[in-house]
Amino acid sequence: MKTKIYAAAALGLGLLMFGNTAKAQIQDEQNVTVTMDMQPVLQLFMTTSNQVNFTFNTIESYMGGEIQYGATILKVSSSVNWDLYAVGTSTGGTYWDNQVIYGALGANASTTIPLDVLELHQYPNDNTNAGFAGSSCATGDYSTPFAPVSSVVAGQNNIYVSATGPYTAPTAADKYIAGGAGTSTAAPGEQNIGGSYLTSSAIQNNVAGASNYYYVIDYRILPGLPVVFPTDGTDQCTADANVIGSGGNSGFTYYQPGVYTMDVKYVLLQDQ
């Protein structure tokens, strides 16, 4: 009898302990704060030769000029609205570096060749900034085809040059490859939307608000004969002091044969 009573008491105690545990619902927790830092990313990929060469060794090449088609390809990827421009630069400020002179420097010859005698042509055009605005000002992009030698237009395709350095962005009166000075989104707009050549069509229709992310650049140099570079004559809507017959080249009538070098810098920046 004692054994049976002990067993019954033990069973009751077990049920009592089980019931109390089910009603307790004890809980503990900790929180972790997750921070997302989305920094702006701009990437410019360029495919080109290390050096683009122009050699003028015939009368035809002087008079007709030379064009390097598709010499540079630019691919853009950006997480923010962006602008893209090209600028001519050298150690000589706003004119080409003269490495070699062929023969004696003539009394009427100059070696101070403006950087902006180099012409650019881009394809496709910039959706947000119309092409060459006309003879009054060299604004827009470089999408206007090179003018025929018989009817060259000074300033139409000449590269942007800054007297204060390559990182001074073009003004509203200067050329951009894409975008423009200012942040307006009103048509035609002054910025390109974030995106990438990896996920967007390389060449898009000229639709308001659309961006291009892939550009092909051609180069042309037209010396002329005598060598006065007839496409030059304006430096982005401002009189060019280095043009033959004016400013630093006053009194000279042609440019001296020799070896000249310059750099073209392509700058991708957040729209501002």
C-alpha atoms as a PDB file:
ATOM      1  CA  MET A   1       0.000   0.000   0.000  1.00  0.00           C
ATOM      2  CA  LYS A   2       2.793   2.376   0.796  1.00  0.00           C
ATOM      3  CA  THR A   3       4.350   1.743  -2.537  1.00  0.00           C
ATOM      4  CA  LYS A   4       1.174   2.545  -4.407  1.00  0.00           C
ATOM      5  CA  ILE A   5       0.588   5.759  -2.515  1.00  0.00           C
ATOM      6  CA  TYR A   6       4.137   6.977  -3.273  1.00  0.00           C
ATOM      7  CA  ALA A   7       3.703   6.322  -6.938  1.00  0.00           C
ATOM      8  CA  ALA A   8       0.431   8.313  -7.095  1.00  0.00           C
ATOM      9  CA  ALA A   9       2.025  11.317  -5.340  1.00  0.00           C
ATOM     10  CA  ALA A  10       4.923  11.355  -7.776  1.00  0.00           C
ATOM     11  CA  LEU A  11       2.591  11.365 -10.770  1.00  0.00           C
ATOM     12  CA  GLY A  12       0.644  14.331  -9.401  1.00  0.00           C
ATOM     13  CA  LEU A  13       3.808  16.328  -8.826  1.00  0.00           C
ATOM     14  CA  GLY A  14       4.919  15.699 -12.359  1.00  0.00           C
ATOM     15  CA  LEU A  15       1.660  17.020 -13.818  1.00  0.00           C
ATOM     16  CA  LEU A  16       1.884  20.123 -11.667  1.00  0.00           C
ATOM     17  CA  MET A  17       5.403  20.955 -12.863  1.00  0.00           C
ATOM     18  CA  PHE A  18       4.435  20.424 -16.521  1.00  0.00           C
ATOM     19  CA  GLY A  19       1.450  22.752 -16.263  1.00  0.00           C
ATOM     20  CA  ASN A  20       3.505  25.616 -14.775  1.00  0.00           C
ATOM     21  CA  THR A  21       6.163  25.372 -17.491  1.00  0.00           C
ATOM     22  CA  ALA A  22       3.656  25.666 -20.344  1.00  0.00           C
ATOM     23  CA  LYS A  23       2.261  28.967 -19.011  1.00  0.00           C
ATOM     24  CA  ALA A  24       5.654  30.782 -18.397  1.00  0.00           C
ATOM     25  CA  GLN A  25       6.620  31.832 -22.012  1.00  0.00           C
ATOM     26  CA  ILE A  26      10.048  33.233 -21.081  1.00  0.00           C
ATOM     27  CA  GLN A  27      11.748  35.172 -23.954  1.00  0.00           C
ATOM     28  CA  ASP A  28      14.988  37.168 -24.490  1.00  0.00           C
ATOM     29  CA  GLU A  29      16.088  39.142 -27.579  1.00  0.00           C
ATOM     30  CA  GLN A  30      18.753  41.521 -28.953  1.00  0.00           C
ATOM     31  CA  ASN A  31      18.617  43.927 -31.930  1.00  0.00           C
ATOM     32  CA  VAL A  32      21.215  44.582 -34.646  1.00  0.00           C
ATOM     33  CA  THR A  33      21.172  47.828 -36.644  1.00  0.00           C
ATOM     34  CA  VAL A  34      21.907  47.350 -40.359  1.00  0.00           C
ATOM     35  CA  THR A  35      23.328  50.389 -42.219  1.00  0.00           C
ATOM     36  CA  MET A  36      23.395  50.679 -46.015  1.00  0.00           C
ATOM     37  CA  ASP A  37      26.007  53.145 -47.361  1.00  0.00           C
ATOM     38  CA  MET A  38      25.331  53.798 -51.064  1.00  0.00           C
ATOM     39  CA  GLN A  39      28.226  55.900 -52.295  1.00  0.00           C
ATOM     40  CA  PRO A  40      28.193  57.491 -55.773  1.00  0.00           C
ATOM     41  CA  VAL A  41      30.034  55.459 -58.401  1.00  0.00           C
ATOM     42  CA  LEU A  42      31.168  56.800 -61.758  1.00  0.00           C
ATOM     43  CA  GLN A  43      33.196  54.621 -64.106  1.00  0.00           C
ATOM     44  CA  LEU A  44      34.557  55.583 -67.514  1.00  0.00           C
ATOM     45  CA  PHE A  45      36.005  52.816 -69.670  1.00  0.00           C
ATOM     46  CA  MET A  46      38.059  53.881 -72.684  1.00  0.00           C
ATOM     47  CA  THR A  47      39.258  51.780 -75.602  1.00  0.00           C
ATOM     48  CA  THR A  48      41.874  53.517 -77.716  1.00  0.00           C
ATOM     49  CA  SER A  49      45.450  53.366 -78.910  1.00  0.00           C
ATOM     50  CA  ASN A  50      47.993  54.828 -76.520  1.00  0.00           C
ATOM     51  CA  GLN A  51      48.813  57.335 -79.230  1.00  0.00           C
ATOM     52  CA  VAL A  52      46.790  58.634 -82.173  1.00  0.00           C
ATOM     53  CA  ASN A  53      49.144  59.707 -84.952  1.00  0.00           C
ATOM     54  CA  PHE A  54      48.592  62.210 -87.750  1.00  0.00           C
ATOM     55  CA  THR A  55      51.293  62.394 -90.417  1.00  0.00           C
ATOM     56  CA  PHE A  56      51.181  65.115 -93.079  1.00  0.00           C
ATOM     57  CA  ASN A  57      53.701  64.283 -95.769  1.00  0.00           C
ATOM     58  CA  THR A  58      51.835  65.114 -98.986  1.00  0.00           C
ATOM     59  CA  ILE A  59      50.197  68.248-100.329  1.00  0.00           C
ATOM     60  CA  GLU A  60      46.902  66.347-100.425  1.00  0.00           C
ATOM     61  CA  SER A  61      47.098  65.514 -96.711  1.00  0.00           C
ATOM     62  CA  TYR A  62      47.742  69.165 -95.877  1.00  0.00           C
ATOM     63  CA  MET A  63      44.907  70.470 -98.019  1.00  0.00           C
ATOM     64  CA  GLY A  64      42.383  67.710 -97.293  1.00  0.00           C
ATOM     65  CA  GLY A  65      43.343  66.951 -93.721  1.00  0.00           C
ATOM     66  CA  GLU A  66      43.307  63.531 -92.089  1.00  0.00           C
ATOM     67  CA  ILE A  67      40.611  61.730 -90.085  1.00  0.00           C
ATOM     68  CA  GLN A  68      41.101  58.900 -87.586  1.00  0.00           C
ATOM     69  CA  TYR A  69      37.738  57.118 -87.531  1.00  0.00           C
ATOM     70  CA  GLY A  70      36.602  55.307 -84.383  1.00  0.00           C
ATOM     71  CA  ALA A  71      39.921  55.961 -82.695  1.00  0.00           C
ATOM     72  CA  THR A  72      38.376  56.113 -79.217  1.00  0.00           C
ATOM     73  CA  ILE A  73      35.395  54.311 -77.675  1.00  0.00           C
ATOM     74  CA  LEU A  74      33.948  55.541 -74.381  1.00  0.00           C
ATOM     75  CA  LYS A  75      31.696  53.442 -72.107  1.00  0.00           C
ATOM     76  CA  VAL A  76      29.943  54.957 -69.110  1.00  0.00           C
ATOM     77  CA  SER A  77      28.527  53.408 -65.932  1.00  0.00           C
ATOM     78  CA  SER A  78      27.174  55.612 -63.152  1.00  0.00           C
ATOM     79  CA  SER A  79      24.889  55.392 -60.123  1.00  0.00           C
ATOM     80  CA  VAL A  80      24.159  59.147 -60.255  1.00  0.00           C
ATOM     81  CA  ASN A  81      23.250  61.714 -62.894  1.00  0.00           C
ATOM     82  CA  TRP A  82      26.349  62.562 -64.869  1.00  0.00           C
ATOM     83  CA  ASP A  83      28.116  64.761 -67.424  1.00  0.00           C
ATOM     84  CA  LEU A  84      30.965  63.855 -69.789  1.00  0.00           C
ATOM     85  CA  TYR A  85      33.328  66.225 -71.565  1.00  0.00           C
ATOM     86  CA  ALA A  86      36.601  66.196 -73.514  1.00  0.00           C
ATOM     87  CA  VAL A  87      39.320  68.776 -73.015  1.00  0.00           C
ATOM     88  CA  GLY A  88      42.597  69.439 -74.794  1.00  0.00           C
ATOM     89  CA  THR A  89      45.634  69.761 -72.545  1.00  0.00           C
ATOM     90  CA  SER A  90      49.419  70.034 -72.741  1.00  0.00           C
ATOM     91  CA  THR A  91      52.392  71.322 -70.779  1.00  0.00           C
ATOM     92  CA  GLY A  92      52.268  74.388 -73.011  1.00  0.00           C
ATOM     93  CA  GLY A  93      48.978  75.653 -71.610  1.00  0.00           C
ATOM     94  CA  THR A  94      46.524  76.205 -74.457  1.00  0.00           C
ATOM     95  CA  TYR A  95      48.812  75.251 -77.338  1.00  0.00           C
ATOM     96  CA  TRP A  96      50.552  72.114 -78.589  1.00  0.00           C
ATOM     97  CA  ASP A  97      53.955  71.076 -77.189  1.00  0.00           C
ATOM     98  CA  ASN A  98      56.561  71.465 -79.912  1.00  0.00           C
ATOM     99  CA  GLN A  99      58.971  68.508 -79.764  1.00  0.00           C
ATOM    100  CA  VAL A 100      60.937  68.950 -83.007  1.00  0.00           C
ATOM    101  CA  ILE A 101      61.293  71.689 -85.645  1.00  0.00           C
ATOM    102  CA  TYR A 102      62.063  70.667 -89.225  1.00  0.00           C
ATOM    103  CA  GLY A 103      64.536  73.079 -90.748  1.00  0.00           C
ATOM    104  CA  ALA A 104      65.168  76.620 -89.618  1.00  0.00           C
ATOM    105  CA  LEU A 105      62.317  78.519 -88.013  1.00  0.00           C
ATOM    106  CA  GLY A 106      61.188  81.000 -90.636  1.00  0.00           C
ATOM    107  CA  ALA A 107      60.724  84.660 -89.823  1.00  0.00           C
ATOM    108  CA  ASN A 108      56.996  84.374 -90.644  1.00  0.00           C
ATOM    109  CA  ALA A 109      56.468  80.955 -89.007  1.00  0.00           C
ATOM    110  CA  SER A 110      55.017  80.230 -85.574  1.00  0.00           C
ATOM    111  CA  THR A 111      55.190  77.129 -83.380  1.00  0.00           C
ATOM    112  CA  THR A 112      52.348  78.268 -81.100  1.00  0.00           C
ATOM    113  CA  ILE A 113      49.552  76.058 -82.442  1.00  0.00           C
ATOM    114  CA  PRO A 114      46.259  76.270 -80.493  1.00  0.00           C
ATOM    115  CA  LEU A 115      45.103  73.011 -78.928  1.00  0.00           C
ATOM    116  CA  ASP A 116      41.640  73.450 -80.392  1.00  0.00           C
ATOM    117  CA  VAL A 117      42.762  72.883 -83.977  1.00  0.00           C
ATOM    118  CA  LEU A 118      41.990  69.252 -83.103  1.00  0.00           C
ATOM    119  CA  GLU A 119      38.413  68.430 -84.119  1.00  0.00           C
ATOM    120  CA  LEU A 120      36.198  65.737 -82.609  1.00  0.00           C
ATOM    121  CA  HIS A 121      33.133  63.960 -83.915  1.00  0.00           C
ATOM    122  CA  GLN A 122      30.993  61.763 -81.658  1.00  0.00           C
ATOM    123  CA  TYR A 123      28.412  59.089 -82.357  1.00  0.00           C
ATOM    124  CA  PRO A 124      25.696  58.913 -81.159  1.00  0.00           C
ATOM    125  CA  ASN A 125      24.641  62.445 -80.316  1.00  0.00           C
ATOM    126  CA  ASP A 126      23.983  63.683 -76.784  1.00  0.00           C
ATOM    127  CA  ASN A 127      20.282  63.310 -76.003  1.00  0.00           C
ATOM    128  CA  THR A 128      20.294  66.121 -73.470  1.00  0.00           C
ATOM    129  CA  ASN A 129      22.336  68.765 -75.259  1.00  0.00           C
ATOM    130  CA  ALA A 130      21.711  69.716 -78.882  1.00  0.00           C
ATOM    131  CA  GLY A 131      24.545  69.773 -81.412  1.00  0.00           C
ATOM    132  CA  PHE A 132      26.427  72.743 -82.797  1.00  0.00           C
ATOM    133  CA  ALA A 133      24.245  75.799 -82.338  1.00  0.00           C
ATOM    134  CA  GLY A 134      25.521  77.755 -85.321  1.00  0.00           C
ATOM    135  CA  SER A 135      28.119  80.343 -86.230  1.00  0.00           C
ATOM    136  CA  SER A 136      27.306  82.554 -83.237  1.00  0.00           C
ATOM    137  CA  CYS A 137      28.571  80.104 -80.624  1.00  0.00           C
ATOM    138  CA  ALA A 138      30.250  76.724 -80.463  1.00  0.00           C
ATOM    139  CA  THR A 139      27.782  75.105 -78.048  1.00  0.00           C
ATOM    140  CA  GLY A 140      26.250  71.649 -77.862  1.00  0.00           C
ATOM    141  CA  ASP A 141      28.048  68.387 -78.520  1.00  0.00           C
ATOM    142  CA  TYR A 142      30.363  67.047 -81.233  1.00  0.00           C
ATOM    143  CA  SER A 143      27.711  65.182 -83.227  1.00  0.00           C
ATOM    144  CA  THR A 144      27.766  67.553 -86.205  1.00  0.00           C
ATOM    145  CA  PRO A 145      29.718  65.882 -89.052  1.00  0.00           C
ATOM    146  CA  PHE A 146      33.061  67.362 -90.010  1.00  0.00           C
ATOM    147  CA  ALA A 147      32.470  70.201 -92.432  1.00  0.00           C
ATOM    148  CA  PRO A 148      33.796  69.745 -95.999  1.00  0.00           C
ATOM    149  CA  VAL A 149      37.149  71.378 -96.629  1.00  0.00           C
ATOM    150  CA  SER A 150      35.499  73.755 -99.091  1.00  0.00           C
ATOM    151  CA  SER A 151      33.150  75.101 -96.413  1.00  0.00           C
ATOM    152  CA  VAL A 152      34.847  74.667 -93.051  1.00  0.00           C
ATOM    153  CA  VAL A 153      33.144  76.225 -90.033  1.00  0.00           C
ATOM    154  CA  ALA A 154      35.462  77.601 -87.353  1.00  0.00           C
ATOM    155  CA  GLY A 155      34.520  76.292 -83.921  1.00  0.00           C
ATOM    156  CA  GLN A 156      32.074  73.658 -85.134  1.00  0.00           C
ATOM    157  CA  ASN A 157      33.958  70.565 -83.949  1.00  0.00           C
ATOM    158  CA  ASN A 158      36.974  72.082 -82.213  1.00  0.00           C
ATOM    159  CA  ILE A 159      37.813  70.485 -78.882  1.00  0.00           C
ATOM    160  CA  TYR A 160      37.108  72.361 -75.657  1.00  0.00           C
ATOM    161  CA  VAL A 161      40.163  74.018 -74.086  1.00  0.00           C
ATOM    162  CA  SER A 162      40.404  75.679 -70.671  1.00  0.00           C
ATOM    163  CA  ALA A 163      43.065  78.227 -69.772  1.00  0.00           C
ATOM    164  CA  THR A 164      42.602  77.317 -66.094  1.00  0.00           C
ATOM    165  CA  GLY A 165      43.215  73.592 -66.495  1.00  0.00           C
ATOM    166  CA  PRO A 166      41.479  70.415 -67.681  1.00  0.00           C
ATOM    167  CA  TYR A 167      39.315  70.072 -64.554  1.00  0.00           C
ATOM    168  CA  THR A 168      37.498  73.326 -65.145  1.00  0.00           C
ATOM    169  CA  ALA A 169      34.223  72.038 -66.574  1.00  0.00           C
ATOM    170  CA  PRO A 170      32.835  73.588 -69.771  1.00  0.00           C
ATOM    171  CA  THR A 171      30.325  76.389 -69.364  1.00  0.00           C
ATOM    172  CA  ALA A 172      26.888  76.622 -70.950  1.00  0.00           C
ATOM    173  CA  ALA A 173      28.599  78.166 -73.977  1.00  0.00           C
ATOM    174  CA  ASP A 174      30.953  75.199 -74.435  1.00  0.00           C
ATOM    175  CA  LYS A 175      30.638  71.653 -75.721  1.00  0.00           C
ATOM    176  CA  TYR A 176      29.928  68.493 -73.726  1.00  0.00           C
ATOM    177  CA  ILE A 177      29.895  64.964 -75.065  1.00  0.00           C
ATOM    178  CA  ALA A 178      26.959  64.289 -72.735  1.00  0.00           C
ATOM    179  CA  GLY A 179      25.046  66.496 -70.337  1.00  0.00           C
ATOM    180  CA  GLY A 180      25.791  70.165 -69.886  1.00  0.00           C
ATOM    181  CA  ALA A 181      26.469  72.971 -67.442  1.00  0.00           C
ATOM    182  CA  GLY A 182      23.728  73.129 -64.791  1.00  0.00           C
ATOM    183  CA  THR A 183      21.316  70.626 -63.288  1.00  0.00           C
ATOM    184  CA  SER A 184      18.067  71.372 -65.096  1.00  0.00           C
ATOM    185  CA  THR A 185      15.918  68.397 -66.047  1.00  0.00           C
ATOM    186  CA  ALA A 186      13.699  70.444 -68.375  1.00  0.00           C
ATOM    187  CA  ALA A 187      14.042  69.517 -72.045  1.00  0.00           C
ATOM    188  CA  PRO A 188      16.567  69.230 -73.554  1.00  0.00           C
ATOM    189  CA  GLY A 189      18.082  68.861 -70.073  1.00  0.00           C
ATOM    190  CA  GLU A 190      21.576  69.315 -68.683  1.00  0.00           C
ATOM    191  CA  GLN A 191      22.284  65.857 -67.296  1.00  0.00           C
ATOM    192  CA  ASN A 192      22.238  62.174 -68.158  1.00  0.00           C
ATOM    193  CA  ILE A 193      20.494  59.724 -65.860  1.00  0.00           C
ATOM    194  CA  GLY A 194      22.384  57.043 -63.965  1.00  0.00           C
ATOM    195  CA  GLY A 195      22.807  53.737 -65.752  1.00  0.00           C
ATOM    196  CA  SER A 196      25.360  51.631 -67.569  1.00  0.00           C
ATOM    197  CA  TYR A 197      26.382  50.478 -71.021  1.00  0.00           C
ATOM    198  CA  LEU A 198      26.189  46.964 -69.535  1.00  0.00           C
ATOM    199  CA  THR A 199      22.430  47.084 -69.034  1.00  0.00           C
ATOM    200  CA  SER A 200      21.228  49.690 -71.530  1.00  0.00           C
ATOM    201  CA  SER A 201      21.209  49.777 -75.304  1.00  0.00           C
ATOM    202  CA  ALA A 202      24.478  51.202 -76.597  1.00  0.00           C
ATOM    203  CA  ILE A 203      22.629  53.500 -78.968  1.00  0.00           C
ATOM    204  CA  GLN A 204      19.209  54.780 -77.947  1.00  0.00           C
ATOM    205  CA  ASN A 205      16.675  56.865 -79.794  1.00  0.00           C
ATOM    206  CA  ASN A 206      16.813  60.565 -79.132  1.00  0.00           C
ATOM    207  CA  VAL A 207      14.020  60.468 -76.542  1.00  0.00           C
ATOM    208  CA  ALA A 208      13.713  63.075 -73.786  1.00  0.00           C
ATOM    209  CA  GLY A 209      15.098  61.711 -70.538  1.00  0.00           C
ATOM    210  CA  ALA A 210      17.003  58.856 -72.162  1.00  0.00           C
ATOM    211  CA  SER A 211      20.767  58.549 -71.877  1.00  0.00           C
ATOM    212  CA  ASN A 212      23.472  57.141 -74.085  1.00  0.00           C
ATOM    213  CA  TYR A 213      26.287  55.285 -72.368  1.00  0.00           C
ATOM    214  CA  TYR A 214      28.457  54.361 -75.374  1.00  0.00           C
ATOM    215  CA  TYR A 215      30.245  56.846 -77.645  1.00  0.00           C
ATOM    216  CA  VAL A 216      32.545  56.464 -80.638  1.00  0.00           C
ATOM    217  CA  ILE A 217      34.971  59.344 -81.199  1.00  0.00           C
ATOM    218  CA  ASP A 218      36.593  60.376 -84.497  1.00  0.00           C
ATOM    219  CA  TYR A 219      39.458  62.868 -84.754  1.00  0.00           C
ATOM    220  CA  ARG A 220      40.337  65.278 -87.566  1.00  0.00           C
ATOM    221  CA  ILE A 221      43.185  67.715 -88.158  1.00  0.00           C
ATOM    222  CA  LEU A 222      43.045  70.022 -91.167  1.00  0.00           C
ATOM    223  CA  PRO A 223      46.284  72.028 -91.571  1.00  0.00           C
ATOM    224  CA  GLY A 224      45.365  73.768 -94.827  1.00  0.00           C
ATOM    225  CA  LEU A 225      47.878  75.247 -97.238  1.00  0.00           C
ATOM    226  CA  PRO A 226      49.397  77.589 -96.219  1.00  0.00           C
ATOM    227  CA  VAL A 227      49.236  75.967 -92.800  1.00  0.00           C
ATOM    228  CA  VAL A 228      46.800  78.136 -90.859  1.00  0.00           C
ATOM    229  CA  PHE A 229      44.287  75.476 -89.662  1.00  0.00           C
ATOM    230  CA  PRO A 230      41.169  77.027 -91.220  1.00  0.00           C
ATOM    231  CA  THR A 231      38.787  75.255 -88.813  1.00  0.00           C
ATOM    232  CA  ASP A 232      40.270  77.254 -85.943  1.00  0.00           C
ATOM    233  CA  GLY A 233      39.481  80.893 -85.326  1.00  0.00           C
ATOM    234  CA  THR A 234      37.338  80.739 -82.222  1.00  0.00           C
ATOM    235  CA  ASP A 235      38.038  79.143 -78.889  1.00  0.00           C
ATOM    236  CA  GLN A 236      34.576  78.109 -77.717  1.00  0.00           C
ATOM    237  CA  CYS A 237      32.928  81.415 -78.686  1.00  0.00           C
ATOM    238  CA  THR A 238      35.882  83.523 -77.522  1.00  0.00           C
ATOM    239  CA  ALA A 239      38.542  85.005 -79.785  1.00  0.00           C
ATOM    240  CA  ASP A 240      41.561  82.685 -79.819  1.00  0.00           C
ATOM    241  CA  ALA A 241      44.723  84.659 -79.012  1.00  0.00           C
ATOM    242  CA  ASN A 242      46.924  82.005 -80.645  1.00  0.00           C
ATOM    243  CA  VAL A 243      45.346  82.128 -84.090  1.00  0.00           C
ATOM    244  CA  ILE A 244      47.716  83.152 -86.864  1.00  0.00           C
ATOM    245  CA  GLY A 245      47.596  86.927 -87.310  1.00  0.00           C
ATOM    246  CA  SER A 246      46.239  87.682 -83.824  1.00  0.00           C
ATOM    247  CA  GLY A 247      47.338  87.773 -80.212  1.00  0.00           C
ATOM    248  CA  GLY A 248      50.448  85.700 -79.558  1.00  0.00           C
ATOM    249  CA  ASN A 249      50.747  84.905 -83.286  1.00  0.00           C
ATOM    250  CA  SER A 250      50.383  88.469 -84.533  1.00  0.00           C
ATOM    251  CA  GLY A 251      52.707  89.087 -87.447  1.00  0.00           C
ATOM    252  CA  PHE A 252      53.059  85.405 -88.374  1.00  0.00           C
ATOM    253  CA  THR A 253      51.538  83.959 -91.543  1.00  0.00           C
ATOM    254  CA  TYR A 254      51.866  80.163 -91.139  1.00  0.00           C
ATOM    255  CA  TYR A 255      52.801  77.376 -88.700  1.00  0.00           C
ATOM    256  CA  GLN A 256      56.227  75.727 -88.767  1.00  0.00           C
ATOM    257  CA  PRO A 257      56.569  72.045 -89.803  1.00  0.00           C
ATOM    258  CA  GLY A 258      57.665  69.811 -86.944  1.00  0.00           C
ATOM    259  CA  VAL A 259      56.495  67.280 -84.375  1.00  0.00           C
ATOM    260  CA  TYR A 260      53.769  68.475 -82.003  1.00  0.00           C
ATOM    261  CA  THR A 261      52.014  66.626 -79.185  1.00  0.00           C
ATOM    262  CA  MET A 262      48.965  67.166 -76.963  1.00  0.00           C
ATOM    263  CA  ASP A 263      46.699  65.105 -74.730  1.00  0.00           C
ATOM    264  CA  VAL A 264      42.938  64.626 -74.830  1.00  0.00           C
ATOM    265  CA  LYS A 265      41.448  64.090 -71.393  1.00  0.00           C
ATOM    266  CA  TYR A 266      37.938  62.676 -71.008  1.00  0.00           C
ATOM    267  CA  VAL A 267      36.293  63.646 -67.721  1.00  0.00           C
ATOM    268  CA  LEU A 268      33.201  61.925 -66.277  1.00  0.00           C
ATOM    269  CA  LEU A 269      31.694  63.786 -63.318  1.00  0.00           C
ATOM    270  CA  GLN A 270      28.547  63.925 -61.260  1.00  0.00           C
ATOM    271  CA  ASP A 271      26.107  66.447 -62.666  1.00  0.00           C
ATOM    272  CA  GLN A 272      26.545  69.847 -61.036  1.00  0.00           C
END
